[in-house]
Structures are given as C-alpha cells and as structure tokens.
Amino acid sequence: MATDCSQRPFSRRDSLAALLLAFSTPLAARADGYPAKPVRLVIPYPPGGGTDITGRAMAQRLAETLGQTVVIENKPGATGMIGAASVAKSSADGYTVLFGAASEMAINASLFKNMTYDPRTDFEPVMLVATFPLVFVAQASSSRSLAALIEAAKAKPDSVSYGSIGSGSPQHLAAELLSSMAQAKLVHIPYKGSGPLVQDAVGGHIDMAVSSVPAAVPLVRSGKLRALAVTSSQRSDALPDVPTMAELGFSGYEFNTWVGVAVPKGTPRDIVDRLRSGLVAALAAPDVQSALRDQGAMPVGSTPEQFRRFVQDEVAKSDRIVSQAGINPE
C-alpha cells in the first residue's frame, strides 16, 4: 500500500516501498504514441548547481526509458519562478516538464504575493524525486555546540549570528524554524551563494551557517568546519556521525530541500503515469544514485498523489515559518 506523506515525512523505508511498487507496475501504455518527439525538461536554475546536476543525470536515463530525446533547458531567474512559470503556461501535452525544487514549488508561494502561477494548482505532480538535508556548521575551533549557541541566544537575544544563502532561502527558513521551536532570537546574515557563506563560517565571522551538504562536506572532512546537526529526520549518509535535530532535543524538527517533477495542469493521467514510470527507472540507475549520494540526498520516487499532498504540506509549513519570522524577501 502506498504510504501517505501527508501524515508523516518520507523515510528510507517509504522510499524503497515506493520504488518497489513502481517497478511492479508495467510502463503505462495508454499514452498513444507518447512521446513522439523530444521532451523538454526545464530546470529553473543555472547549470552546475545541485538541481541541475541531478536533473541532467535523471534526463539521460529518462531518455533511454522513453525511447526519445530529453532536451535540458536551463531557465534561471527569480528564485526559480521564471522557469516554473514557463512550464505552467505550456501546453498540457507532456512535452514540457519541470524539474523543480523547493523554492519555486513551495516556498515562494509564502513569500511573494504576485506570483504568476500557483504551485498547488497549476501543475500536475508527477514524482517527488529526492529530499536533501541541510547542515548547521560552525568554525572548527569553536567549542560551542548547537545547544550552547541556542542557550546563548536565549540569555542574550541577537547575540548569536547565522548565515544563509539569502532571505527566504530554504537555509533561512530552516534556521527560523529552529529559532521558533527553541524560542531563541538569532541574527540572520544573508549571503550571495554557498561559497562566501561557508568561507565566512570557516573564518569565524558568523557563529554558524546553514549550508547545503555538498558545500559543507569537504570543509568538514578537512577539519575546517564542524558539523553541528543535520536538518533531516534521519542522519545523512554523507555525514553519518552528525546528529539530527531530534537527537539534540528538538523533537519534530525537520526541514529538507527537495527536487521533483511536474507538468502543466490538465496533462492527461496516462502521460503522467508514463513519465513517472520512466523517472522511477531513471532514479534506480547506478549513476543517478551516485549523483544523489554526492548531493547527500535521499531518493524517494513518490506517487503523483503523494507528491501533491507533499507540496501542499510544504507550502503550509513555509507559510507558518514566514509568518512567525516576519520574513520579507530582499
């Protein structure tokens, strides 16, 4: 039986169950002749980032499964909204596909009042591909644990700083969720990118940073940064010795970034099923699994219904955090 992601987060067991279920179901054959021409996979970020790397790995295997060329189109801008909007406004025929991430498919709906699309209603969800934990890190020579930093912030509000890759970013929201749960006031320092963020953490210019796992792992392994906690409900395979927030006493804390696939609203269900079957096969490929491991990710392979509920839950979570923290995008 498919798991209900509206009731609890995806676990590794859920992910495996979803993949096994998909492989036990034949490829959808009712999408007569689909795909009869190349499929355009829109990635709403520049080449070289985590979403792009994962999307390209998936696209190569998806092309083999579909028996048709999959063309990558990077369409960055406005924190992913330009690319996502272009897909939402495309023909609902399965030939324009969004390989999107948490920002444009959930978080932005909580931040921007004049979006040109609604991620909850303007897409047909196909599959949640993978979730990605974030990690709180500090200068290696710092002796303060995450608990100690929180206690210091409680004792003296605005005395503890943290960095993220920008106002309204997943990293920002992850820290504000911690601030809310711990009832501790932290000072947010936004940066333009992971590079400057982690380097300032290495230099001790901020008390801690919320980083993507790939940006932090080399510096943690080289002894330049100390990992304090991961934001997932389970430990990361990339950082197996680093505790989760729940292990540190923040019961119920979870905040991941993620990537998923969607098509324009109104796309026929048989085409959605055909795409999902191809994506599940791609997700199981060794090179795709390797690309995900390099990103510190957990593969999921959800059903469309699970993904729809997941997006709705993610928007609701973002609404709560943005409202409580009074976040305004810069």
C-alpha atoms as a PDB file:
ATOM      1  CA  MET A   1       0.000   0.000   0.000  1.00  0.00           C
ATOM      2  CA  ALA A   2       1.315   3.445  -0.869  1.00  0.00           C
ATOM      3  CA  THR A   3       2.388   5.483   2.131  1.00  0.00           C
ATOM      4  CA  ASP A   4       0.543   8.702   2.973  1.00  0.00           C
ATOM      5  CA  CYS A   5       3.092  11.511   3.058  1.00  0.00           C
ATOM      6  CA  SER A   6       0.506  13.934   4.411  1.00  0.00           C
ATOM      7  CA  GLN A   7       0.678  12.106   7.727  1.00  0.00           C
ATOM      8  CA  ARG A   8       4.435  11.820   8.225  1.00  0.00           C
ATOM      9  CA  PRO A   9       7.728  12.548   6.422  1.00  0.00           C
ATOM     10  CA  PHE A  10       9.180  10.173   3.875  1.00  0.00           C
ATOM     11  CA  SER A  11      11.537   7.632   5.383  1.00  0.00           C
ATOM     12  CA  ARG A  12      14.071   5.384   3.709  1.00  0.00           C
ATOM     13  CA  ARG A  13      11.550   2.550   4.102  1.00  0.00           C
ATOM     14  CA  ASP A  14       8.870   4.648   2.388  1.00  0.00           C
ATOM     15  CA  SER A  15      11.260   5.442  -0.468  1.00  0.00           C
ATOM     16  CA  LEU A  16      12.136   1.804  -1.025  1.00  0.00           C
ATOM     17  CA  ALA A  17       8.480   0.802  -0.886  1.00  0.00           C
ATOM     18  CA  ALA A  18       7.544   3.424  -3.473  1.00  0.00           C
ATOM     19  CA  LEU A  19      10.271   2.283  -5.844  1.00  0.00           C
ATOM     20  CA  LEU A  20       9.372  -1.377  -5.473  1.00  0.00           C
ATOM     21  CA  LEU A  21       5.713  -0.580  -6.088  1.00  0.00           C
ATOM     22  CA  ALA A  22       6.601   1.346  -9.222  1.00  0.00           C
ATOM     23  CA  PHE A  23       8.744  -1.469 -10.597  1.00  0.00           C
ATOM     24  CA  SER A  24       5.921  -3.940 -10.031  1.00  0.00           C
ATOM     25  CA  THR A  25       3.660  -1.823 -12.290  1.00  0.00           C
ATOM     26  CA  PRO A  26       4.136  -2.066 -16.087  1.00  0.00           C
ATOM     27  CA  LEU A  27       5.012   1.082 -18.002  1.00  0.00           C
ATOM     28  CA  ALA A  28       1.859   2.950 -18.918  1.00  0.00           C
ATOM     29  CA  ALA A  29       0.951   2.026 -22.463  1.00  0.00           C
ATOM     30  CA  ARG A  30      -2.178   4.093 -22.982  1.00  0.00           C
ATOM     31  CA  ALA A  31      -0.394   7.340 -23.876  1.00  0.00           C
ATOM     32  CA  ASP A  32      -0.801   6.526 -27.569  1.00  0.00           C
ATOM     33  CA  GLY A  33       2.471   7.263 -29.315  1.00  0.00           C
ATOM     34  CA  TYR A  34       3.845   9.327 -26.427  1.00  0.00           C
ATOM     35  CA  PRO A  35       6.470  10.564 -26.657  1.00  0.00           C
ATOM     36  CA  ALA A  36       6.536  11.066 -30.432  1.00  0.00           C
ATOM     37  CA  LYS A  37       9.024  13.950 -30.286  1.00  0.00           C
ATOM     38  CA  PRO A  38      11.722  15.246 -27.907  1.00  0.00           C
ATOM     39  CA  VAL A  39      10.658  16.080 -24.359  1.00  0.00           C
ATOM     40  CA  ARG A  40      11.839  19.400 -22.946  1.00  0.00           C
ATOM     41  CA  LEU A  41      12.989  19.232 -19.312  1.00  0.00           C
ATOM     42  CA  VAL A  42      13.053  22.735 -17.813  1.00  0.00           C
ATOM     43  CA  ILE A  43      15.472  23.242 -14.927  1.00  0.00           C
ATOM     44  CA  PRO A  44      14.816  26.689 -13.410  1.00  0.00           C
ATOM     45  CA  TYR A  45      18.424  27.173 -12.251  1.00  0.00           C
ATOM     46  CA  PRO A  46      21.797  27.766 -13.938  1.00  0.00           C
ATOM     47  CA  PRO A  47      23.996  24.842 -14.997  1.00  0.00           C
ATOM     48  CA  GLY A  48      26.260  23.344 -12.355  1.00  0.00           C
ATOM     49  CA  GLY A  49      24.084  23.526  -9.253  1.00  0.00           C
ATOM     50  CA  GLY A  50      22.634  20.620  -7.329  1.00  0.00           C
ATOM     51  CA  THR A  51      19.234  20.717  -9.059  1.00  0.00           C
ATOM     52  CA  ASP A  52      20.909  20.882 -12.470  1.00  0.00           C
ATOM     53  CA  ILE A  53      23.319  18.031 -11.723  1.00  0.00           C
ATOM     54  CA  THR A  54      20.510  15.779 -10.507  1.00  0.00           C
ATOM     55  CA  GLY A  55      18.197  16.765 -13.358  1.00  0.00           C
ATOM     56  CA  ARG A  56      20.797  16.037 -16.018  1.00  0.00           C
ATOM     57  CA  ALA A  57      21.571  12.639 -14.550  1.00  0.00           C
ATOM     58  CA  MET A  58      17.859  11.812 -14.499  1.00  0.00           C
ATOM     59  CA  ALA A  59      17.297  13.153 -18.029  1.00  0.00           C
ATOM     60  CA  GLN A  60      19.895  10.885 -19.601  1.00  0.00           C
ATOM     61  CA  ARG A  61      18.301   7.763 -18.124  1.00  0.00           C
ATOM     62  CA  LEU A  62      14.769   9.014 -18.754  1.00  0.00           C
ATOM     63  CA  ALA A  63      15.580   9.384 -22.450  1.00  0.00           C
ATOM     64  CA  GLU A  64      16.647   5.749 -22.588  1.00  0.00           C
ATOM     65  CA  THR A  65      13.451   4.605 -20.892  1.00  0.00           C
ATOM     66  CA  LEU A  66      11.127   6.746 -23.009  1.00  0.00           C
ATOM     67  CA  GLY A  67      12.977   5.972 -26.235  1.00  0.00           C
ATOM     68  CA  GLN A  68      13.029   9.656 -27.066  1.00  0.00           C
ATOM     69  CA  THR A  69      15.425  12.575 -26.682  1.00  0.00           C
ATOM     70  CA  VAL A  70      15.113  14.624 -23.485  1.00  0.00           C
ATOM     71  CA  VAL A  71      16.369  18.170 -24.023  1.00  0.00           C
ATOM     72  CA  ILE A  72      17.599  20.126 -20.997  1.00  0.00           C
ATOM     73  CA  GLU A  73      16.614  23.777 -20.886  1.00  0.00           C
ATOM     74  CA  ASN A  74      18.091  25.845 -18.059  1.00  0.00           C
ATOM     75  CA  LYS A  75      15.781  28.775 -17.388  1.00  0.00           C
ATOM     76  CA  PRO A  76      17.041  30.539 -14.242  1.00  0.00           C
ATOM     77  CA  GLY A  77      15.816  33.695 -12.560  1.00  0.00           C
ATOM     78  CA  ALA A  78      13.588  34.979  -9.761  1.00  0.00           C
ATOM     79  CA  THR A  79      14.498  32.084  -7.431  1.00  0.00           C
ATOM     80  CA  GLY A  80      13.239  29.552  -9.929  1.00  0.00           C
ATOM     81  CA  MET A  81       9.945  31.247 -10.737  1.00  0.00           C
ATOM     82  CA  ILE A  82      10.771  32.167 -14.350  1.00  0.00           C
ATOM     83  CA  GLY A  83      11.350  28.569 -15.363  1.00  0.00           C
ATOM     84  CA  ALA A  84       8.441  27.227 -13.323  1.00  0.00           C
ATOM     85  CA  ALA A  85       6.035  29.805 -14.764  1.00  0.00           C
ATOM     86  CA  SER A  86       7.083  28.937 -18.301  1.00  0.00           C
ATOM     87  CA  VAL A  87       6.148  25.304 -17.688  1.00  0.00           C
ATOM     88  CA  ALA A  88       2.848  26.189 -16.004  1.00  0.00           C
ATOM     89  CA  LYS A  89       1.857  28.187 -19.098  1.00  0.00           C
ATOM     90  CA  SER A  90       2.926  25.496 -21.599  1.00  0.00           C
ATOM     91  CA  SER A  91       0.693  23.065 -23.477  1.00  0.00           C
ATOM     92  CA  ALA A  92      -0.539  20.199 -21.307  1.00  0.00           C
ATOM     93  CA  ASP A  93       0.771  17.516 -23.638  1.00  0.00           C
ATOM     94  CA  GLY A  94       3.690  16.062 -21.671  1.00  0.00           C
ATOM     95  CA  TYR A  95       6.384  17.611 -23.832  1.00  0.00           C
ATOM     96  CA  THR A  96       7.298  20.396 -21.403  1.00  0.00           C
ATOM     97  CA  VAL A  97       8.323  19.080 -17.983  1.00  0.00           C
ATOM     98  CA  LEU A  98       9.504  20.913 -14.870  1.00  0.00           C
ATOM     99  CA  PHE A  99      12.412  19.542 -12.862  1.00  0.00           C
ATOM    100  CA  GLY A 100      11.905  21.852  -9.927  1.00  0.00           C
ATOM    101  CA  ALA A 101      12.969  22.405  -6.352  1.00  0.00           C
ATOM    102  CA  ALA A 102      11.517  23.513  -3.043  1.00  0.00           C
ATOM    103  CA  SER A 103      11.741  27.269  -3.634  1.00  0.00           C
ATOM    104  CA  GLU A 104       9.661  27.663  -6.788  1.00  0.00           C
ATOM    105  CA  MET A 105       7.367  24.728  -5.993  1.00  0.00           C
ATOM    106  CA  ALA A 106       6.526  25.658  -2.396  1.00  0.00           C
ATOM    107  CA  ILE A 107       8.467  28.349  -0.519  1.00  0.00           C
ATOM    108  CA  ASN A 108       7.942  31.217  -2.967  1.00  0.00           C
ATOM    109  CA  ALA A 109       4.177  30.903  -2.584  1.00  0.00           C
ATOM    110  CA  SER A 110       4.650  32.017   1.020  1.00  0.00           C
ATOM    111  CA  LEU A 111       6.942  34.912   0.135  1.00  0.00           C
ATOM    112  CA  PHE A 112       5.554  36.560  -2.990  1.00  0.00           C
ATOM    113  CA  LYS A 113       2.011  37.843  -3.352  1.00  0.00           C
ATOM    114  CA  ASN A 114       2.152  38.433  -7.115  1.00  0.00           C
ATOM    115  CA  MET A 115       3.327  35.089  -8.439  1.00  0.00           C
ATOM    116  CA  THR A 116       2.174  34.282 -11.966  1.00  0.00           C
ATOM    117  CA  TYR A 117       1.395  30.675 -11.059  1.00  0.00           C
ATOM    118  CA  ASP A 118       0.250  28.682  -8.034  1.00  0.00           C
ATOM    119  CA  PRO A 119       2.427  25.624  -7.331  1.00  0.00           C
ATOM    120  CA  ARG A 120      -0.505  23.903  -5.615  1.00  0.00           C
ATOM    121  CA  THR A 121      -2.957  24.159  -8.505  1.00  0.00           C
ATOM    122  CA  ASP A 122      -1.156  24.965 -11.780  1.00  0.00           C
ATOM    123  CA  PHE A 123       0.766  21.700 -12.137  1.00  0.00           C
ATOM    124  CA  GLU A 124       0.069  18.007 -12.331  1.00  0.00           C
ATOM    125  CA  PRO A 125       2.556  16.439  -9.907  1.00  0.00           C
ATOM    126  CA  VAL A 126       4.498  13.524 -11.356  1.00  0.00           C
ATOM    127  CA  MET A 127       7.020  12.461  -8.717  1.00  0.00           C
ATOM    128  CA  LEU A 128       8.996  13.678  -5.739  1.00  0.00           C
ATOM    129  CA  VAL A 129      12.489  12.608  -6.791  1.00  0.00           C
ATOM    130  CA  ALA A 130      14.587  13.152  -3.668  1.00  0.00           C
ATOM    131  CA  THR A 131      14.969  15.117  -0.456  1.00  0.00           C
ATOM    132  CA  PHE A 132      18.172  16.871   0.610  1.00  0.00           C
ATOM    133  CA  PRO A 133      19.076  17.659   4.217  1.00  0.00           C
ATOM    134  CA  LEU A 134      20.813  20.870   5.176  1.00  0.00           C
ATOM    135  CA  VAL A 135      23.502  21.059   7.836  1.00  0.00           C
ATOM    136  CA  PHE A 136      24.303  23.579  10.582  1.00  0.00           C
ATOM    137  CA  VAL A 137      28.057  24.179  10.693  1.00  0.00           C
ATOM    138  CA  ALA A 138      30.460  26.309  12.731  1.00  0.00           C
ATOM    139  CA  GLN A 139      34.140  27.204  12.711  1.00  0.00           C
ATOM    140  CA  ALA A 140      36.136  24.092  13.569  1.00  0.00           C
ATOM    141  CA  SER A 141      37.873  25.775  16.517  1.00  0.00           C
ATOM    142  CA  SER A 142      34.556  26.836  18.071  1.00  0.00           C
ATOM    143  CA  SER A 143      33.743  24.741  21.112  1.00  0.00           C
ATOM    144  CA  ARG A 144      30.081  25.708  21.338  1.00  0.00           C
ATOM    145  CA  SER A 145      27.514  23.081  20.447  1.00  0.00           C
ATOM    146  CA  LEU A 146      24.194  23.908  18.811  1.00  0.00           C
ATOM    147  CA  ALA A 147      22.541  23.648  22.229  1.00  0.00           C
ATOM    148  CA  ALA A 148      25.108  26.075  23.674  1.00  0.00           C
ATOM    149  CA  LEU A 149      24.512  28.553  20.855  1.00  0.00           C
ATOM    150  CA  ILE A 150      20.764  28.386  21.452  1.00  0.00           C
ATOM    151  CA  GLU A 151      21.232  28.915  25.194  1.00  0.00           C
ATOM    152  CA  ALA A 152      23.466  31.916  24.491  1.00  0.00           C
ATOM    153  CA  ALA A 153      20.814  33.386  22.189  1.00  0.00           C
ATOM    154  CA  LYS A 154      18.160  32.875  24.863  1.00  0.00           C
ATOM    155  CA  ALA A 155      20.307  34.540  27.509  1.00  0.00           C
ATOM    156  CA  LYS A 156      21.189  37.460  25.266  1.00  0.00           C
ATOM    157  CA  PRO A 157      18.888  37.913  22.244  1.00  0.00           C
ATOM    158  CA  ASP A 158      20.587  38.892  18.963  1.00  0.00           C
ATOM    159  CA  SER A 159      23.988  37.799  20.280  1.00  0.00           C
ATOM    160  CA  VAL A 160      24.259  34.695  18.051  1.00  0.00           C
ATOM    161  CA  SER A 161      24.504  35.046  14.274  1.00  0.00           C
ATOM    162  CA  TYR A 162      23.908  32.591  11.487  1.00  0.00           C
ATOM    163  CA  GLY A 163      24.326  32.810   7.742  1.00  0.00           C
ATOM    164  CA  SER A 164      22.213  31.561   4.852  1.00  0.00           C
ATOM    165  CA  ILE A 165      22.322  31.946   1.073  1.00  0.00           C
ATOM    166  CA  GLY A 166      19.689  34.682   1.202  1.00  0.00           C
ATOM    167  CA  SER A 167      16.463  35.948   2.683  1.00  0.00           C
ATOM    168  CA  GLY A 168      13.651  33.489   2.034  1.00  0.00           C
ATOM    169  CA  SER A 169      16.012  30.695   1.047  1.00  0.00           C
ATOM    170  CA  PRO A 170      15.481  27.166   2.386  1.00  0.00           C
ATOM    171  CA  GLN A 171      18.529  27.695   4.602  1.00  0.00           C
ATOM    172  CA  HIS A 172      16.958  30.835   6.060  1.00  0.00           C
ATOM    173  CA  LEU A 173      13.667  29.062   6.757  1.00  0.00           C
ATOM    174  CA  ALA A 174      15.459  26.082   8.320  1.00  0.00           C
ATOM    175  CA  ALA A 175      17.154  28.353  10.843  1.00  0.00           C
ATOM    176  CA  GLU A 176      13.984  30.316  11.545  1.00  0.00           C
ATOM    177  CA  LEU A 177      12.151  27.065  12.232  1.00  0.00           C
ATOM    178  CA  LEU A 178      14.832  26.240  14.810  1.00  0.00           C
ATOM    179  CA  SER A 179      14.592  29.751  16.267  1.00  0.00           C
ATOM    180  CA  SER A 180      10.831  29.384  16.642  1.00  0.00           C
ATOM    181  CA  MET A 181      10.971  25.921  18.193  1.00  0.00           C
ATOM    182  CA  ALA A 182      13.780  26.906  20.574  1.00  0.00           C
ATOM    183  CA  GLN A 183      12.244  30.324  21.331  1.00  0.00           C
ATOM    184  CA  ALA A 184      15.619  31.933  20.773  1.00  0.00           C
ATOM    185  CA  LYS A 185      16.272  35.089  18.756  1.00  0.00           C
ATOM    186  CA  LEU A 186      19.065  34.591  16.198  1.00  0.00           C
ATOM    187  CA  VAL A 187      20.622  37.204  13.913  1.00  0.00           C
ATOM    188  CA  HIS A 188      20.331  36.363  10.214  1.00  0.00           C
ATOM    189  CA  ILE A 189      23.213  37.282   7.892  1.00  0.00           C
ATOM    190  CA  PRO A 190      22.286  36.690   4.215  1.00  0.00           C
ATOM    191  CA  TYR A 191      24.994  35.802   1.690  1.00  0.00           C
ATOM    192  CA  LYS A 192      25.024  35.612  -2.098  1.00  0.00           C
ATOM    193  CA  GLY A 193      25.880  31.971  -2.549  1.00  0.00           C
ATOM    194  CA  SER A 194      27.282  28.992  -0.675  1.00  0.00           C
ATOM    195  CA  GLY A 195      30.925  29.863  -1.335  1.00  0.00           C
ATOM    196  CA  PRO A 196      31.043  33.146   0.630  1.00  0.00           C
ATOM    197  CA  LEU A 197      28.759  31.650   3.281  1.00  0.00           C
ATOM    198  CA  VAL A 198      30.928  28.675   4.184  1.00  0.00           C
ATOM    199  CA  GLN A 199      34.142  30.686   3.942  1.00  0.00           C
ATOM    200  CA  ASP A 200      32.861  33.188   6.489  1.00  0.00           C
ATOM    201  CA  ALA A 201      31.882  30.263   8.704  1.00  0.00           C
ATOM    202  CA  VAL A 202      35.431  28.885   8.363  1.00  0.00           C
ATOM    203  CA  GLY A 203      36.802  32.296   9.326  1.00  0.00           C
ATOM    204  CA  GLY A 204      34.517  32.589  12.337  1.00  0.00           C
ATOM    205  CA  HIS A 205      32.845  35.747  11.045  1.00  0.00           C
ATOM    206  CA  ILE A 206      29.465  34.221  11.878  1.00  0.00           C
ATOM    207  CA  ASP A 207      28.642  31.902  14.750  1.00  0.00           C
ATOM    208  CA  MET A 208      27.168  29.263  12.473  1.00  0.00           C
ATOM    209  CA  ALA A 209      25.900  28.716   8.950  1.00  0.00           C
ATOM    210  CA  VAL A 210      23.101  26.692   7.410  1.00  0.00           C
ATOM    211  CA  SER A 211      24.658  25.030   4.384  1.00  0.00           C
ATOM    212  CA  SER A 212      23.850  22.516   1.715  1.00  0.00           C
ATOM    213  CA  VAL A 213      25.566  19.212   2.396  1.00  0.00           C
ATOM    214  CA  PRO A 214      27.807  19.251  -0.743  1.00  0.00           C
ATOM    215  CA  ALA A 215      29.163  22.714   0.113  1.00  0.00           C
ATOM    216  CA  ALA A 216      29.932  21.729   3.694  1.00  0.00           C
ATOM    217  CA  VAL A 217      31.211  18.148   3.460  1.00  0.00           C
ATOM    218  CA  PRO A 218      34.723  18.878   2.051  1.00  0.00           C
ATOM    219  CA  LEU A 219      35.323  21.513   4.719  1.00  0.00           C
ATOM    220  CA  VAL A 220      34.007  19.266   7.477  1.00  0.00           C
ATOM    221  CA  ARG A 221      36.189  16.372   6.353  1.00  0.00           C
ATOM    222  CA  SER A 222      39.258  18.604   6.093  1.00  0.00           C
ATOM    223  CA  GLY A 223      38.718  19.886   9.646  1.00  0.00           C
ATOM    224  CA  LYS A 224      37.931  23.474   8.674  1.00  0.00           C
ATOM    225  CA  LEU A 225      34.286  23.313   9.738  1.00  0.00           C
ATOM    226  CA  ARG A 226      32.468  21.428  12.472  1.00  0.00           C
ATOM    227  CA  ALA A 227      29.058  19.987  11.650  1.00  0.00           C
ATOM    228  CA  LEU A 228      26.547  20.611  14.450  1.00  0.00           C
ATOM    229  CA  ALA A 229      23.372  18.941  13.167  1.00  0.00           C
ATOM    230  CA  VAL A 230      21.540  17.901  10.023  1.00  0.00           C
ATOM    231  CA  THR A 231      18.003  19.133   9.361  1.00  0.00           C
ATOM    232  CA  SER A 232      16.526  15.800   8.238  1.00  0.00           C
ATOM    233  CA  SER A 233      14.629  13.375  10.453  1.00  0.00           C
ATOM    234  CA  GLN A 234      17.315  10.746   9.783  1.00  0.00           C
ATOM    235  CA  ARG A 235      21.087  11.032   9.708  1.00  0.00           C
ATOM    236  CA  SER A 236      22.689  11.788   6.362  1.00  0.00           C
ATOM    237  CA  ASP A 237      24.758   9.077   4.673  1.00  0.00           C
ATOM    238  CA  ALA A 238      27.192  11.843   3.698  1.00  0.00           C
ATOM    239  CA  LEU A 239      27.619  12.876   7.352  1.00  0.00           C
ATOM    240  CA  PRO A 240      26.804   9.715   9.321  1.00  0.00           C
ATOM    241  CA  ASP A 241      28.374  10.951  12.571  1.00  0.00           C
ATOM    242  CA  VAL A 242      26.351  14.172  12.664  1.00  0.00           C
ATOM    243  CA  PRO A 243      23.171  14.073  14.794  1.00  0.00           C
ATOM    244  CA  THR A 244      19.714  15.126  13.701  1.00  0.00           C
ATOM    245  CA  MET A 245      17.847  17.958  15.384  1.00  0.00           C
ATOM    246  CA  ALA A 246      15.576  15.434  17.094  1.00  0.00           C
ATOM    247  CA  GLU A 247      18.602  13.691  18.567  1.00  0.00           C
ATOM    248  CA  LEU A 248      19.648  17.028  20.048  1.00  0.00           C
ATOM    249  CA  GLY A 249      16.294  17.506  21.729  1.00  0.00           C
ATOM    250  CA  PHE A 250      14.331  19.387  19.068  1.00  0.00           C
ATOM    251  CA  SER A 251      11.584  16.811  18.713  1.00  0.00           C
ATOM    252  CA  GLY A 252       9.597  17.080  15.490  1.00  0.00           C
ATOM    253  CA  TYR A 253      12.120  19.312  13.740  1.00  0.00           C
ATOM    254  CA  GLU A 254      12.594  18.543  10.037  1.00  0.00           C
ATOM    255  CA  PHE A 255      13.405  20.824   7.127  1.00  0.00           C
ATOM    256  CA  ASN A 256      14.717  19.482   3.828  1.00  0.00           C
ATOM    257  CA  THR A 257      15.185  20.890   0.392  1.00  0.00           C
ATOM    258  CA  TRP A 258      13.942  18.651  -2.408  1.00  0.00           C
ATOM    259  CA  VAL A 259      13.508  18.172  -6.136  1.00  0.00           C
ATOM    260  CA  GLY A 260      10.507  16.887  -8.013  1.00  0.00           C
ATOM    261  CA  VAL A 261       8.926  16.640 -11.446  1.00  0.00           C
ATOM    262  CA  ALA A 262       5.668  18.262 -12.563  1.00  0.00           C
ATOM    263  CA  VAL A 263       3.833  19.023 -15.800  1.00  0.00           C
ATOM    264  CA  PRO A 264       1.225  21.662 -16.710  1.00  0.00           C
ATOM    265  CA  LYS A 265      -2.252  21.338 -15.241  1.00  0.00           C
ATOM    266  CA  GLY A 266      -4.532  19.251 -17.422  1.00  0.00           C
ATOM    267  CA  THR A 267      -1.864  16.886 -18.707  1.00  0.00           C
ATOM    268  CA  PRO A 268      -3.607  13.503 -19.230  1.00  0.00           C
ATOM    269  CA  ARG A 269      -3.073  10.993 -16.432  1.00  0.00           C
ATOM    270  CA  ASP A 270      -1.760   8.301 -18.784  1.00  0.00           C
ATOM    271  CA  ILE A 271       1.038  10.656 -19.845  1.00  0.00           C
ATOM    272  CA  VAL A 272       1.760  11.485 -16.200  1.00  0.00           C
ATOM    273  CA  ASP A 273       1.956   7.750 -15.467  1.00  0.00           C
ATOM    274  CA  ARG A 274       4.220   7.146 -18.463  1.00  0.00           C
ATOM    275  CA  LEU A 275       6.573   9.890 -17.317  1.00  0.00           C
ATOM    276  CA  ARG A 276       6.602   8.636 -13.741  1.00  0.00           C
ATOM    277  CA  SER A 277       7.413   5.077 -14.824  1.00  0.00           C
ATOM    278  CA  GLY A 278      10.374   6.403 -16.790  1.00  0.00           C
ATOM    279  CA  LEU A 279      11.500   8.554 -13.891  1.00  0.00           C
ATOM    280  CA  VAL A 280      11.359   5.653 -11.443  1.00  0.00           C
ATOM    281  CA  ALA A 281      13.534   3.588 -13.751  1.00  0.00           C
ATOM    282  CA  ALA A 282      15.944   6.523 -14.083  1.00  0.00           C
ATOM    283  CA  LEU A 283      16.038   7.002 -10.311  1.00  0.00           C
ATOM    284  CA  ALA A 284      17.180   3.396  -9.855  1.00  0.00           C
ATOM    285  CA  ALA A 285      20.122   3.736 -12.257  1.00  0.00           C
ATOM    286  CA  PRO A 286      23.555   3.472 -10.555  1.00  0.00           C
ATOM    287  CA  ASP A 287      24.847   6.754 -11.993  1.00  0.00           C
ATOM    288  CA  VAL A 288      21.749   8.616 -10.784  1.00  0.00           C
ATOM    289  CA  GLN A 289      22.077   7.026  -7.352  1.00  0.00           C
ATOM    290  CA  SER A 290      25.720   8.139  -7.307  1.00  0.00           C
ATOM    291  CA  ALA A 291      24.770  11.710  -8.277  1.00  0.00           C
ATOM    292  CA  LEU A 292      22.230  11.778  -5.464  1.00  0.00           C
ATOM    293  CA  ARG A 293      24.702  10.409  -2.920  1.00  0.00           C
ATOM    294  CA  ASP A 294      27.160  13.133  -3.930  1.00  0.00           C
ATOM    295  CA  GLN A 295      24.454  15.664  -3.052  1.00  0.00           C
ATOM    296  CA  GLY A 296      23.737  13.987   0.289  1.00  0.00           C
ATOM    297  CA  ALA A 297      20.239  13.149  -0.946  1.00  0.00           C
ATOM    298  CA  MET A 298      17.656  10.506  -0.137  1.00  0.00           C
ATOM    299  CA  PRO A 299      15.807   9.158  -3.208  1.00  0.00           C
ATOM    300  CA  VAL A 300      12.021   8.973  -2.875  1.00  0.00           C
ATOM    301  CA  GLY A 301      10.095   8.050  -6.048  1.00  0.00           C
ATOM    302  CA  SER A 302       6.636   9.051  -4.770  1.00  0.00           C
ATOM    303  CA  THR A 303       3.288   8.635  -6.471  1.00  0.00           C
ATOM    304  CA  PRO A 304       1.640  11.725  -8.011  1.00  0.00           C
ATOM    305  CA  GLU A 305      -0.908  11.772  -5.185  1.00  0.00           C
ATOM    306  CA  GLN A 306       1.803  11.656  -2.537  1.00  0.00           C
ATOM    307  CA  PHE A 307       3.686  14.449  -4.271  1.00  0.00           C
ATOM    308  CA  ARG A 308       0.566  16.644  -4.457  1.00  0.00           C
ATOM    309  CA  ARG A 309      -0.036  16.289  -0.712  1.00  0.00           C
ATOM    310  CA  PHE A 310       3.667  16.821  -0.046  1.00  0.00           C
ATOM    311  CA  VAL A 311       3.684  20.153  -1.938  1.00  0.00           C
ATOM    312  CA  GLN A 312       0.555  21.301  -0.100  1.00  0.00           C
ATOM    313  CA  ASP A 313       2.153  20.412   3.238  1.00  0.00           C
ATOM    314  CA  GLU A 314       5.389  22.164   2.276  1.00  0.00           C
ATOM    315  CA  VAL A 315       3.555  25.367   1.337  1.00  0.00           C
ATOM    316  CA  ALA A 316       1.684  25.257   4.653  1.00  0.00           C
ATOM    317  CA  LYS A 317       4.951  24.741   6.560  1.00  0.00           C
ATOM    318  CA  SER A 318       6.562  27.661   4.719  1.00  0.00           C
ATOM    319  CA  ASP A 319       3.530  29.847   5.449  1.00  0.00           C
ATOM    320  CA  ARG A 320       3.909  29.185   9.175  1.00  0.00           C
ATOM    321  CA  ILE A 321       7.657  29.878   9.253  1.00  0.00           C
ATOM    322  CA  VAL A 322       7.462  33.014   7.090  1.00  0.00           C
ATOM    323  CA  SER A 323       4.590  34.407   9.147  1.00  0.00           C
ATOM    324  CA  GLN A 324       6.185  33.673  12.518  1.00  0.00           C
ATOM    325  CA  ALA A 325       9.563  35.090  11.487  1.00  0.00           C
ATOM    326  CA  GLY A 326       8.188  38.050   9.531  1.00  0.00           C
ATOM    327  CA  ILE A 327      10.377  37.213   6.549  1.00  0.00           C
ATOM    328  CA  ASN A 328      10.323  39.604   3.613  1.00  0.00           C
ATOM    329  CA  PRO A 329      12.325  38.643   0.503  1.00  0.00           C
ATOM    330  CA  GLU A 330      15.076  41.071  -0.453  1.00  0.00           C
END
